[in-house]
Amino acid sequence: MDLKIAGIVLAGGQSSRMGLDKAMLTIEKHTLLIRALNLLKQSGLSDCFVSGEYPDFSCITDQYNGLGPLAGIAACTEQLIDDYDALFIVPVDMPLLAEQDCTALIDTYLQTMLRQPLGQAAGVYYQESIFPLILTLNTPLHDYLLGIIQTPHKKYRSLYRLFETLSVQGVAANANNIERFENANTPEQWLRCLNSYSKLG
């Protein structure tokens, strides 16, 4: 199936728990931002964007503060919906994620698109992790995100609620790969990721 999928790195957070910009942390002399972009390209995505504000990168800036990843996804949806069929989304703070984790999800998504009426699968994510995540760029997604941004009720602003409302499909990850979905949100988690990385390497 010939679909245009845009790669997205979510890097617009405040990194308050880490105490410094997570995107600029390094492993083997590469920042997490560069690593995430390289991962998307290695997974076959030629057009990649950064949800955040970083000079010298193709960035899409959040229009709303305090809404977490939904703000970044909403901004990317608004800007890219006319030119792409789907978004493949990874967070900048998942340094152990591997190419096979991404390509497996892309393959699952393409197979799901073939099974759905008129190819309108809403998206696919790993049940164990949320990210990486693929969302179909369509009117239901656009309208849902617009409503979430406008609502004053914080309880509605969750990705799981989006998944449930739009029927985004959750699939099981390979049990042997679970440690690769670890996030580095705090200094302690970052150290654990570095330790895990050294063992994986």
N, C-alpha and C. Protein backbone atom coordinates (compact mmCIF):
# COMPACT_ATOMS: atom_id res chain seq x y z
N MET A 1 0.85 -1.20 0.00
CA MET A 1 0.00 0.00 0.00
C MET A 1 0.89 1.24 0.00
N ASP A 2 0.60 2.15 -0.92
CA ASP A 2 1.43 3.34 -1.09
C ASP A 2 0.84 4.49 -0.26
N LEU A 3 1.34 4.64 0.95
CA LEU A 3 0.87 5.70 1.83
C LEU A 3 2.01 6.66 2.15
N LYS A 4 1.67 7.92 2.32
CA LYS A 4 2.67 8.90 2.75
C LYS A 4 2.58 9.04 4.26
N ILE A 5 3.59 8.55 4.93
CA ILE A 5 3.63 8.59 6.39
C ILE A 5 4.73 9.55 6.83
N ALA A 6 4.37 10.54 7.61
CA ALA A 6 5.34 11.50 8.14
C ALA A 6 5.85 11.02 9.49
N GLY A 7 7.16 11.06 9.68
CA GLY A 7 7.74 10.74 10.97
C GLY A 7 7.74 11.96 11.87
N ILE A 8 7.36 11.75 13.13
CA ILE A 8 7.28 12.84 14.10
C ILE A 8 8.06 12.48 15.36
N VAL A 9 8.94 13.38 15.79
CA VAL A 9 9.61 13.24 17.09
C VAL A 9 8.98 14.24 18.04
N LEU A 10 8.34 13.75 19.09
CA LEU A 10 7.77 14.64 20.10
C LEU A 10 8.87 15.15 21.02
N ALA A 11 9.17 16.43 20.92
CA ALA A 11 10.27 17.01 21.71
C ALA A 11 9.88 18.39 22.23
N GLY A 12 8.59 18.60 22.45
CA GLY A 12 8.14 19.92 22.86
C GLY A 12 7.88 20.07 24.34
N GLY A 13 8.21 19.03 25.13
CA GLY A 13 7.95 19.09 26.57
C GLY A 13 8.91 20.01 27.31
N GLN A 14 8.60 20.24 28.58
CA GLN A 14 9.42 21.13 29.40
C GLN A 14 10.61 20.44 30.06
N SER A 15 10.62 19.09 30.06
CA SER A 15 11.72 18.33 30.70
C SER A 15 11.92 18.73 32.15
N SER A 16 10.83 19.07 32.84
CA SER A 16 10.94 19.58 34.21
C SER A 16 11.45 18.52 35.17
N ARG A 17 11.06 17.27 34.97
CA ARG A 17 11.51 16.21 35.88
C ARG A 17 12.97 15.85 35.66
N MET A 18 13.46 16.04 34.42
CA MET A 18 14.86 15.75 34.14
C MET A 18 15.76 16.88 34.63
N GLY A 19 15.27 18.11 34.56
CA GLY A 19 16.06 19.25 35.00
C GLY A 19 16.89 19.87 33.89
N LEU A 20 16.85 19.28 32.71
CA LEU A 20 17.52 19.83 31.52
C LEU A 20 16.83 19.24 30.30
N ASP A 21 17.13 19.79 29.13
CA ASP A 21 16.44 19.40 27.92
C ASP A 21 16.80 17.96 27.55
N LYS A 22 15.82 17.06 27.60
CA LYS A 22 16.07 15.65 27.30
C LYS A 22 16.56 15.45 25.87
N ALA A 23 16.08 16.28 24.97
CA ALA A 23 16.46 16.12 23.56
C ALA A 23 17.96 16.28 23.35
N MET A 24 18.63 16.99 24.26
CA MET A 24 20.06 17.26 24.11
C MET A 24 20.94 16.28 24.88
N LEU A 25 20.35 15.33 25.59
CA LEU A 25 21.14 14.28 26.20
C LEU A 25 21.81 13.46 25.11
N THR A 26 22.96 12.88 25.39
CA THR A 26 23.71 12.19 24.34
C THR A 26 24.02 10.74 24.70
N ILE A 27 24.03 9.92 23.67
CA ILE A 27 24.54 8.55 23.72
C ILE A 27 25.47 8.39 22.53
N GLU A 28 26.70 8.01 22.81
CA GLU A 28 27.70 7.84 21.75
C GLU A 28 27.78 9.08 20.86
N LYS A 29 27.82 10.24 21.49
CA LYS A 29 28.04 11.54 20.85
C LYS A 29 26.86 12.02 19.99
N HIS A 30 25.74 11.32 20.05
CA HIS A 30 24.56 11.76 19.32
C HIS A 30 23.47 12.14 20.32
N THR A 31 22.84 13.28 20.09
CA THR A 31 21.75 13.68 20.99
C THR A 31 20.56 12.75 20.78
N LEU A 32 19.68 12.73 21.78
CA LEU A 32 18.48 11.91 21.66
C LEU A 32 17.60 12.40 20.50
N LEU A 33 17.65 13.69 20.22
CA LEU A 33 16.88 14.21 19.09
C LEU A 33 17.40 13.65 17.77
N ILE A 34 18.71 13.68 17.59
CA ILE A 34 19.31 13.13 16.37
C ILE A 34 19.06 11.63 16.28
N ARG A 35 19.20 10.93 17.40
CA ARG A 35 18.97 9.49 17.41
C ARG A 35 17.54 9.16 16.98
N ALA A 36 16.57 9.92 17.50
CA ALA A 36 15.18 9.67 17.16
C ALA A 36 14.91 9.93 15.68
N LEU A 37 15.44 11.01 15.15
CA LEU A 37 15.28 11.31 13.73
C LEU A 37 15.93 10.24 12.86
N ASN A 38 17.12 9.79 13.24
CA ASN A 38 17.80 8.74 12.50
C ASN A 38 16.99 7.44 12.53
N LEU A 39 16.38 7.16 13.69
CA LEU A 39 15.58 5.96 13.83
C LEU A 39 14.40 5.98 12.86
N LEU A 40 13.74 7.12 12.76
CA LEU A 40 12.61 7.24 11.85
C LEU A 40 13.05 7.02 10.40
N LYS A 41 14.18 7.62 10.04
CA LYS A 41 14.67 7.47 8.67
C LYS A 41 15.11 6.03 8.39
N GLN A 42 15.73 5.39 9.36
CA GLN A 42 16.12 3.99 9.20
C GLN A 42 14.90 3.08 9.06
N SER A 43 13.77 3.54 9.59
CA SER A 43 12.54 2.76 9.52
C SER A 43 11.78 3.00 8.22
N GLY A 44 12.36 3.76 7.31
CA GLY A 44 11.79 3.96 5.99
C GLY A 44 10.98 5.22 5.82
N LEU A 45 11.06 6.14 6.78
CA LEU A 45 10.30 7.38 6.70
C LEU A 45 11.22 8.51 6.23
N SER A 46 11.00 8.97 5.01
CA SER A 46 11.90 9.97 4.44
C SER A 46 11.58 11.38 4.91
N ASP A 47 10.33 11.66 5.24
CA ASP A 47 9.92 12.99 5.68
C ASP A 47 9.69 12.97 7.19
N CYS A 48 10.56 13.67 7.92
CA CYS A 48 10.50 13.65 9.38
C CYS A 48 10.48 15.07 9.94
N PHE A 49 9.72 15.24 11.00
CA PHE A 49 9.55 16.56 11.61
C PHE A 49 9.72 16.45 13.12
N VAL A 50 10.09 17.57 13.72
CA VAL A 50 10.24 17.65 15.17
C VAL A 50 9.11 18.48 15.74
N SER A 51 8.38 17.90 16.67
CA SER A 51 7.36 18.65 17.40
C SER A 51 8.06 19.38 18.54
N GLY A 52 8.37 20.65 18.33
CA GLY A 52 9.13 21.43 19.30
C GLY A 52 9.81 22.58 18.58
N GLU A 53 10.73 23.23 19.27
CA GLU A 53 11.44 24.37 18.70
C GLU A 53 12.94 24.15 18.79
N TYR A 54 13.55 23.75 17.66
CA TYR A 54 14.98 23.50 17.60
C TYR A 54 15.51 24.05 16.28
N PRO A 55 16.46 24.98 16.34
CA PRO A 55 17.04 25.53 15.11
C PRO A 55 17.64 24.41 14.25
N ASP A 56 17.60 24.61 12.95
CA ASP A 56 18.21 23.70 11.98
C ASP A 56 17.45 22.39 11.77
N PHE A 57 16.25 22.28 12.35
CA PHE A 57 15.42 21.10 12.13
C PHE A 57 14.07 21.54 11.56
N SER A 58 13.41 20.61 10.88
CA SER A 58 12.06 20.88 10.39
C SER A 58 11.09 20.74 11.55
N CYS A 59 10.72 21.86 12.15
CA CYS A 59 9.95 21.84 13.40
C CYS A 59 8.51 22.29 13.20
N ILE A 60 7.65 21.74 14.02
CA ILE A 60 6.26 22.16 14.11
C ILE A 60 6.02 22.54 15.56
N THR A 61 5.73 23.80 15.79
CA THR A 61 5.64 24.32 17.15
C THR A 61 4.25 24.10 17.73
N ASP A 62 4.22 23.68 19.02
CA ASP A 62 2.95 23.55 19.73
C ASP A 62 2.26 24.91 19.79
N GLN A 63 0.95 24.90 19.61
CA GLN A 63 0.18 26.13 19.70
C GLN A 63 -0.44 26.33 21.08
N TYR A 64 -0.40 25.27 21.90
CA TYR A 64 -1.02 25.33 23.22
C TYR A 64 -0.06 24.76 24.25
N ASN A 65 0.04 25.41 25.39
CA ASN A 65 0.92 24.97 26.46
C ASN A 65 0.16 24.11 27.47
N GLY A 66 0.88 23.22 28.12
CA GLY A 66 0.30 22.46 29.22
C GLY A 66 -0.60 21.31 28.82
N LEU A 67 -0.57 20.91 27.55
CA LEU A 67 -1.44 19.82 27.11
C LEU A 67 -0.66 18.54 26.81
N GLY A 68 0.64 18.53 27.11
CA GLY A 68 1.43 17.33 26.91
C GLY A 68 1.55 16.93 25.46
N PRO A 69 1.69 15.62 25.19
CA PRO A 69 1.89 15.18 23.81
C PRO A 69 0.71 15.47 22.89
N LEU A 70 -0.49 15.61 23.45
CA LEU A 70 -1.64 15.91 22.60
C LEU A 70 -1.48 17.23 21.87
N ALA A 71 -0.84 18.21 22.51
CA ALA A 71 -0.62 19.50 21.86
C ALA A 71 0.28 19.34 20.64
N GLY A 72 1.34 18.57 20.80
CA GLY A 72 2.24 18.34 19.67
C GLY A 72 1.58 17.57 18.55
N ILE A 73 0.81 16.55 18.90
CA ILE A 73 0.11 15.76 17.88
C ILE A 73 -0.92 16.62 17.17
N ALA A 74 -1.62 17.48 17.92
CA ALA A 74 -2.62 18.36 17.31
C ALA A 74 -1.98 19.33 16.34
N ALA A 75 -0.85 19.91 16.72
CA ALA A 75 -0.17 20.86 15.83
C ALA A 75 0.32 20.17 14.56
N CYS A 76 0.86 18.95 14.70
CA CYS A 76 1.35 18.21 13.54
C CYS A 76 0.19 17.80 12.64
N THR A 77 -0.92 17.41 13.24
CA THR A 77 -2.10 17.06 12.46
C THR A 77 -2.58 18.24 11.65
N GLU A 78 -2.67 19.40 12.30
CA GLU A 78 -3.15 20.61 11.63
C GLU A 78 -2.27 20.97 10.43
N GLN A 79 -0.96 20.82 10.60
CA GLN A 79 -0.04 21.27 9.55
C GLN A 79 0.14 20.24 8.42
N LEU A 80 -0.01 18.96 8.74
CA LEU A 80 0.37 17.92 7.78
C LEU A 80 -0.80 17.16 7.17
N ILE A 81 -2.01 17.39 7.63
CA ILE A 81 -3.14 16.57 7.20
C ILE A 81 -3.40 16.63 5.70
N ASP A 82 -3.07 17.73 5.05
CA ASP A 82 -3.33 17.86 3.62
C ASP A 82 -2.28 17.17 2.75
N ASP A 83 -1.13 16.85 3.34
CA ASP A 83 -0.02 16.33 2.54
C ASP A 83 0.38 14.89 2.86
N TYR A 84 -0.11 14.36 3.99
CA TYR A 84 0.28 13.01 4.41
C TYR A 84 -0.94 12.20 4.80
N ASP A 85 -0.78 10.88 4.76
CA ASP A 85 -1.87 9.97 5.11
C ASP A 85 -1.86 9.55 6.58
N ALA A 86 -0.69 9.63 7.19
CA ALA A 86 -0.58 9.18 8.59
C ALA A 86 0.65 9.80 9.24
N LEU A 87 0.65 9.77 10.58
CA LEU A 87 1.80 10.19 11.38
C LEU A 87 2.36 8.98 12.10
N PHE A 88 3.68 8.82 12.04
CA PHE A 88 4.36 7.83 12.87
C PHE A 88 5.10 8.61 13.95
N ILE A 89 4.72 8.41 15.19
CA ILE A 89 5.14 9.29 16.28
C ILE A 89 6.01 8.54 17.29
N VAL A 90 7.16 9.12 17.61
CA VAL A 90 8.02 8.61 18.68
C VAL A 90 8.36 9.77 19.62
N PRO A 91 8.53 9.49 20.91
CA PRO A 91 8.98 10.53 21.83
C PRO A 91 10.49 10.63 21.81
N VAL A 92 11.01 11.79 22.10
CA VAL A 92 12.45 11.98 22.08
C VAL A 92 13.14 11.26 23.24
N ASP A 93 12.36 10.93 24.27
CA ASP A 93 12.97 10.37 25.49
C ASP A 93 12.86 8.85 25.59
N MET A 94 12.87 8.15 24.44
CA MET A 94 12.84 6.68 24.41
C MET A 94 14.10 6.19 23.71
N PRO A 95 15.26 6.28 24.37
CA PRO A 95 16.55 6.07 23.69
C PRO A 95 16.84 4.63 23.29
N LEU A 96 16.12 3.65 23.84
CA LEU A 96 16.42 2.25 23.54
C LEU A 96 15.57 1.69 22.40
N LEU A 97 14.62 2.47 21.93
CA LEU A 97 13.74 2.02 20.86
C LEU A 97 14.57 1.63 19.63
N ALA A 98 14.18 0.53 18.99
CA ALA A 98 14.97 0.01 17.87
C ALA A 98 14.18 0.05 16.57
N GLU A 99 14.92 -0.05 15.48
CA GLU A 99 14.30 0.00 14.15
C GLU A 99 13.24 -1.08 13.99
N GLN A 100 13.51 -2.28 14.49
CA GLN A 100 12.55 -3.37 14.30
C GLN A 100 11.25 -3.12 15.05
N ASP A 101 11.32 -2.37 16.16
CA ASP A 101 10.09 -2.02 16.87
C ASP A 101 9.22 -1.11 16.01
N CYS A 102 9.86 -0.23 15.29
CA CYS A 102 9.14 0.72 14.44
C CYS A 102 8.61 0.05 13.18
N THR A 103 9.45 -0.70 12.50
CA THR A 103 9.02 -1.32 11.25
C THR A 103 7.93 -2.36 11.49
N ALA A 104 7.98 -3.06 12.62
CA ALA A 104 6.94 -4.03 12.93
C ALA A 104 5.59 -3.34 13.09
N LEU A 105 5.59 -2.18 13.73
CA LEU A 105 4.34 -1.44 13.92
C LEU A 105 3.83 -0.89 12.59
N ILE A 106 4.74 -0.41 11.75
CA ILE A 106 4.34 0.08 10.43
C ILE A 106 3.71 -1.05 9.61
N ASP A 107 4.33 -2.23 9.65
CA ASP A 107 3.77 -3.37 8.91
C ASP A 107 2.38 -3.73 9.43
N THR A 108 2.21 -3.72 10.75
CA THR A 108 0.90 -4.01 11.34
C THR A 108 -0.13 -2.99 10.89
N TYR A 109 0.27 -1.73 10.87
CA TYR A 109 -0.64 -0.67 10.44
C TYR A 109 -1.06 -0.87 8.99
N LEU A 110 -0.12 -1.16 8.12
CA LEU A 110 -0.45 -1.35 6.71
C LEU A 110 -1.39 -2.52 6.51
N GLN A 111 -1.18 -3.61 7.26
CA GLN A 111 -2.08 -4.75 7.18
C GLN A 111 -3.47 -4.40 7.70
N THR A 112 -3.51 -3.59 8.76
CA THR A 112 -4.80 -3.15 9.30
C THR A 112 -5.54 -2.27 8.32
N MET A 113 -4.82 -1.40 7.64
CA MET A 113 -5.44 -0.54 6.63
C MET A 113 -6.08 -1.36 5.52
N LEU A 114 -5.44 -2.47 5.15
CA LEU A 114 -5.98 -3.32 4.09
C LEU A 114 -7.27 -4.01 4.52
N ARG A 115 -7.40 -4.29 5.83
CA ARG A 115 -8.58 -5.00 6.33
C ARG A 115 -9.76 -4.08 6.62
N GLN A 116 -9.50 -2.80 6.87
CA GLN A 116 -10.56 -1.88 7.25
C GLN A 116 -11.34 -1.41 6.03
N PRO A 117 -12.66 -1.18 6.18
CA PRO A 117 -13.44 -0.64 5.07
C PRO A 117 -12.86 0.69 4.59
N LEU A 118 -12.64 0.78 3.28
CA LEU A 118 -12.12 1.99 2.66
C LEU A 118 -10.76 2.40 3.22
N GLY A 119 -10.07 1.45 3.85
CA GLY A 119 -8.75 1.73 4.39
C GLY A 119 -8.73 2.76 5.49
N GLN A 120 -9.78 2.83 6.30
CA GLN A 120 -9.89 3.90 7.30
C GLN A 120 -9.52 3.44 8.71
N ALA A 121 -8.47 2.64 8.85
CA ALA A 121 -7.99 2.29 10.19
C ALA A 121 -7.53 3.56 10.90
N ALA A 122 -7.91 3.70 12.17
CA ALA A 122 -7.58 4.93 12.90
C ALA A 122 -6.12 5.01 13.30
N GLY A 123 -5.48 3.84 13.48
CA GLY A 123 -4.08 3.84 13.89
C GLY A 123 -3.75 2.60 14.69
N VAL A 124 -2.48 2.50 15.09
CA VAL A 124 -1.98 1.34 15.83
C VAL A 124 -0.95 1.81 16.85
N TYR A 125 -0.96 1.16 18.02
CA TYR A 125 0.04 1.45 19.05
C TYR A 125 0.36 0.17 19.80
N TYR A 126 1.47 0.19 20.54
CA TYR A 126 1.82 -0.95 21.39
C TYR A 126 1.13 -0.80 22.74
N GLN A 127 0.39 -1.81 23.15
CA GLN A 127 -0.37 -1.76 24.39
C GLN A 127 0.52 -1.52 25.60
N GLU A 128 1.73 -2.03 25.54
CA GLU A 128 2.63 -1.93 26.68
C GLU A 128 3.26 -0.55 26.84
N SER A 129 3.09 0.32 25.84
CA SER A 129 3.93 1.51 25.85
C SER A 129 3.27 2.82 25.40
N ILE A 130 2.25 2.78 24.59
CA ILE A 130 1.64 3.91 23.88
C ILE A 130 2.49 4.32 22.68
N PHE A 131 3.76 4.60 22.90
CA PHE A 131 4.66 4.95 21.80
C PHE A 131 5.64 3.81 21.55
N PRO A 132 6.04 3.65 20.26
CA PRO A 132 5.67 4.43 19.08
C PRO A 132 4.19 4.25 18.75
N LEU A 133 3.70 5.19 17.93
CA LEU A 133 2.27 5.27 17.64
C LEU A 133 2.07 5.73 16.20
N ILE A 134 1.11 5.11 15.51
CA ILE A 134 0.73 5.57 14.18
C ILE A 134 -0.72 6.02 14.22
N LEU A 135 -0.98 7.20 13.71
CA LEU A 135 -2.34 7.72 13.62
C LEU A 135 -2.65 8.11 12.18
N THR A 136 -3.81 7.68 11.70
CA THR A 136 -4.25 8.07 10.37
C THR A 136 -4.65 9.54 10.38
N LEU A 137 -4.14 10.29 9.43
CA LEU A 137 -4.50 11.70 9.31
C LEU A 137 -5.83 11.81 8.57
N ASN A 138 -6.89 12.04 9.31
CA ASN A 138 -8.22 12.15 8.70
C ASN A 138 -9.07 13.14 9.50
N THR A 139 -10.25 13.38 9.04
CA THR A 139 -11.14 14.35 9.68
C THR A 139 -11.51 13.96 11.11
N PRO A 140 -11.83 12.68 11.40
CA PRO A 140 -12.13 12.32 12.79
C PRO A 140 -11.00 12.66 13.76
N LEU A 141 -9.76 12.39 13.37
CA LEU A 141 -8.63 12.72 14.24
C LEU A 141 -8.52 14.23 14.42
N HIS A 142 -8.58 14.96 13.33
CA HIS A 142 -8.47 16.41 13.39
C HIS A 142 -9.54 17.01 14.30
N ASP A 143 -10.78 16.59 14.11
CA ASP A 143 -11.88 17.16 14.89
C ASP A 143 -11.80 16.76 16.35
N TYR A 144 -11.37 15.53 16.61
CA TYR A 144 -11.25 15.09 18.00
C TYR A 144 -10.19 15.92 18.73
N LEU A 145 -9.04 16.10 18.10
CA LEU A 145 -7.96 16.86 18.74
C LEU A 145 -8.36 18.31 18.95
N LEU A 146 -9.08 18.88 18.00
CA LEU A 146 -9.55 20.25 18.16
C LEU A 146 -10.48 20.37 19.36
N GLY A 147 -11.35 19.39 19.53
CA GLY A 147 -12.26 19.41 20.67
C GLY A 147 -11.54 19.25 21.99
N ILE A 148 -10.51 18.39 22.02
CA ILE A 148 -9.74 18.17 23.24
C ILE A 148 -9.00 19.43 23.65
N ILE A 149 -8.45 20.12 22.69
CA ILE A 149 -7.72 21.34 22.98
C ILE A 149 -8.64 22.41 23.55
N GLN A 150 -9.85 22.44 23.08
CA GLN A 150 -10.79 23.47 23.51
C GLN A 150 -11.51 23.16 24.81
N THR A 151 -11.55 21.89 25.21
CA THR A 151 -12.28 21.54 26.42
C THR A 151 -11.54 21.99 27.67
N PRO A 152 -12.25 22.46 28.70
CA PRO A 152 -11.59 22.83 29.95
C PRO A 152 -11.37 21.64 30.88
N HIS A 153 -11.86 20.47 30.50
CA HIS A 153 -11.80 19.29 31.37
C HIS A 153 -10.53 18.48 31.10
N LYS A 154 -9.60 18.51 32.03
CA LYS A 154 -8.32 17.84 31.85
C LYS A 154 -8.46 16.33 31.74
N LYS A 155 -9.51 15.76 32.34
CA LYS A 155 -9.66 14.31 32.33
C LYS A 155 -9.84 13.76 30.92
N TYR A 156 -10.24 14.59 29.97
CA TYR A 156 -10.41 14.14 28.60
C TYR A 156 -9.12 14.20 27.80
N ARG A 157 -8.08 14.81 28.36
CA ARG A 157 -6.85 15.02 27.60
C ARG A 157 -5.86 13.88 27.81
N SER A 158 -6.21 12.72 27.36
CA SER A 158 -5.31 11.57 27.47
C SER A 158 -5.29 10.82 26.15
N LEU A 159 -4.14 10.23 25.86
CA LEU A 159 -4.02 9.45 24.64
C LEU A 159 -4.90 8.21 24.69
N TYR A 160 -5.03 7.62 25.88
CA TYR A 160 -5.87 6.43 25.98
C TYR A 160 -7.33 6.74 25.64
N ARG A 161 -7.79 7.91 26.02
CA ARG A 161 -9.16 8.30 25.67
C ARG A 161 -9.28 8.50 24.15
N LEU A 162 -8.23 9.07 23.56
CA LEU A 162 -8.21 9.21 22.10
C LEU A 162 -8.29 7.83 21.45
N PHE A 163 -7.48 6.89 21.95
CA PHE A 163 -7.48 5.54 21.39
C PHE A 163 -8.86 4.91 21.47
N GLU A 164 -9.49 5.07 22.63
CA GLU A 164 -10.80 4.47 22.84
C GLU A 164 -11.86 5.12 21.94
N THR A 165 -11.83 6.43 21.87
CA THR A 165 -12.85 7.15 21.10
C THR A 165 -12.74 6.88 19.61
N LEU A 166 -11.52 6.86 19.09
CA LEU A 166 -11.32 6.69 17.65
C LEU A 166 -11.08 5.24 17.25
N SER A 167 -11.07 4.33 18.23
CA SER A 167 -10.83 2.90 17.97
C SER A 167 -9.45 2.65 17.38
N VAL A 168 -8.44 3.31 17.96
CA VAL A 168 -7.05 3.03 17.58
C VAL A 168 -6.69 1.67 18.15
N GLN A 169 -6.09 0.82 17.34
CA GLN A 169 -5.85 -0.57 17.70
C GLN A 169 -4.59 -0.73 18.55
N GLY A 170 -4.72 -1.41 19.67
CA GLY A 170 -3.56 -1.76 20.49
C GLY A 170 -3.08 -3.15 20.16
N VAL A 171 -1.80 -3.31 19.93
CA VAL A 171 -1.23 -4.62 19.62
C VAL A 171 -0.15 -4.94 20.64
N ALA A 172 0.10 -6.22 20.84
CA ALA A 172 1.09 -6.64 21.82
C ALA A 172 2.50 -6.54 21.25
N ALA A 173 3.39 -6.03 22.05
CA ALA A 173 4.80 -5.99 21.65
C ALA A 173 5.45 -7.34 21.94
N ASN A 174 6.56 -7.60 21.28
CA ASN A 174 7.34 -8.79 21.58
C ASN A 174 7.83 -8.71 23.01
N ALA A 175 7.56 -9.73 23.80
CA ALA A 175 7.91 -9.72 25.22
C ALA A 175 9.40 -9.50 25.44
N ASN A 176 10.22 -9.93 24.49
CA ASN A 176 11.67 -9.77 24.62
C ASN A 176 12.12 -8.33 24.39
N ASN A 177 11.21 -7.48 23.88
CA ASN A 177 11.59 -6.11 23.53
C ASN A 177 11.10 -5.07 24.53
N ILE A 178 10.42 -5.50 25.60
CA ILE A 178 9.75 -4.56 26.48
C ILE A 178 10.70 -3.51 27.06
N GLU A 179 11.91 -3.91 27.41
CA GLU A 179 12.84 -2.96 28.03
C GLU A 179 13.22 -1.82 27.07
N ARG A 180 13.04 -2.03 25.78
CA ARG A 180 13.38 -0.98 24.81
C ARG A 180 12.35 0.15 24.80
N PHE A 181 11.22 -0.03 25.46
CA PHE A 181 10.19 1.00 25.50
C PHE A 181 10.31 1.89 26.74
N GLU A 182 11.40 1.77 27.47
CA GLU A 182 11.56 2.58 28.69
C GLU A 182 11.80 4.04 28.33
N ASN A 183 11.13 4.91 29.08
CA ASN A 183 11.32 6.36 28.91
C ASN A 183 12.38 6.87 29.87
N ALA A 184 13.01 7.98 29.48
CA ALA A 184 13.99 8.65 30.34
C ALA A 184 13.44 10.02 30.70
N ASN A 185 12.57 10.05 31.71
CA ASN A 185 11.96 11.30 32.15
C ASN A 185 12.65 11.94 33.34
N THR A 186 13.43 11.15 34.07
CA THR A 186 14.11 11.62 35.27
C THR A 186 15.58 11.21 35.20
N PRO A 187 16.45 11.84 36.00
CA PRO A 187 17.85 11.41 36.01
C PRO A 187 18.02 9.93 36.33
N GLU A 188 17.17 9.41 37.23
CA GLU A 188 17.26 8.00 37.59
C GLU A 188 16.90 7.10 36.40
N GLN A 189 15.85 7.47 35.70
CA GLN A 189 15.46 6.70 34.52
C GLN A 189 16.51 6.78 33.42
N TRP A 190 17.12 7.94 33.28
CA TRP A 190 18.19 8.11 32.29
C TRP A 190 19.36 7.19 32.58
N LEU A 191 19.74 7.10 33.85
CA LEU A 191 20.84 6.20 34.22
C LEU A 191 20.48 4.75 33.94
N ARG A 192 19.23 4.37 34.19
CA ARG A 192 18.80 3.02 33.89
C ARG A 192 18.86 2.75 32.39
N CYS A 193 18.46 3.73 31.60
CA CYS A 193 18.52 3.57 30.15
C CYS A 193 19.95 3.42 29.66
N LEU A 194 20.85 4.21 30.22
CA LEU A 194 22.26 4.09 29.84
C LEU A 194 22.81 2.71 30.20
N ASN A 195 22.42 2.22 31.37
CA ASN A 195 22.86 0.89 31.79
C ASN A 195 22.30 -0.19 30.86
N SER A 196 21.03 -0.07 30.51
CA SER A 196 20.40 -1.02 29.61
C SER A 196 21.03 -0.94 28.22
N TYR A 197 21.35 0.28 27.78
CA TYR A 197 21.96 0.48 26.47
C TYR A 197 23.30 -0.23 26.39
N SER A 198 24.09 -0.12 27.44
CA SER A 198 25.40 -0.76 27.45
C SER A 198 25.28 -2.27 27.36
N LYS A 199 24.21 -2.83 27.94
CA LYS A 199 24.01 -4.28 27.88
C LYS A 199 23.49 -4.69 26.51
N LEU A 200 22.60 -3.86 25.94
CA LEU A 200 22.07 -4.19 24.61
C LEU A 200 23.16 -4.10 23.56
N GLY A 201 24.08 -3.13 23.76
CA GLY A 201 25.14 -2.96 22.79
C GLY A 201 26.14 -4.09 22.81
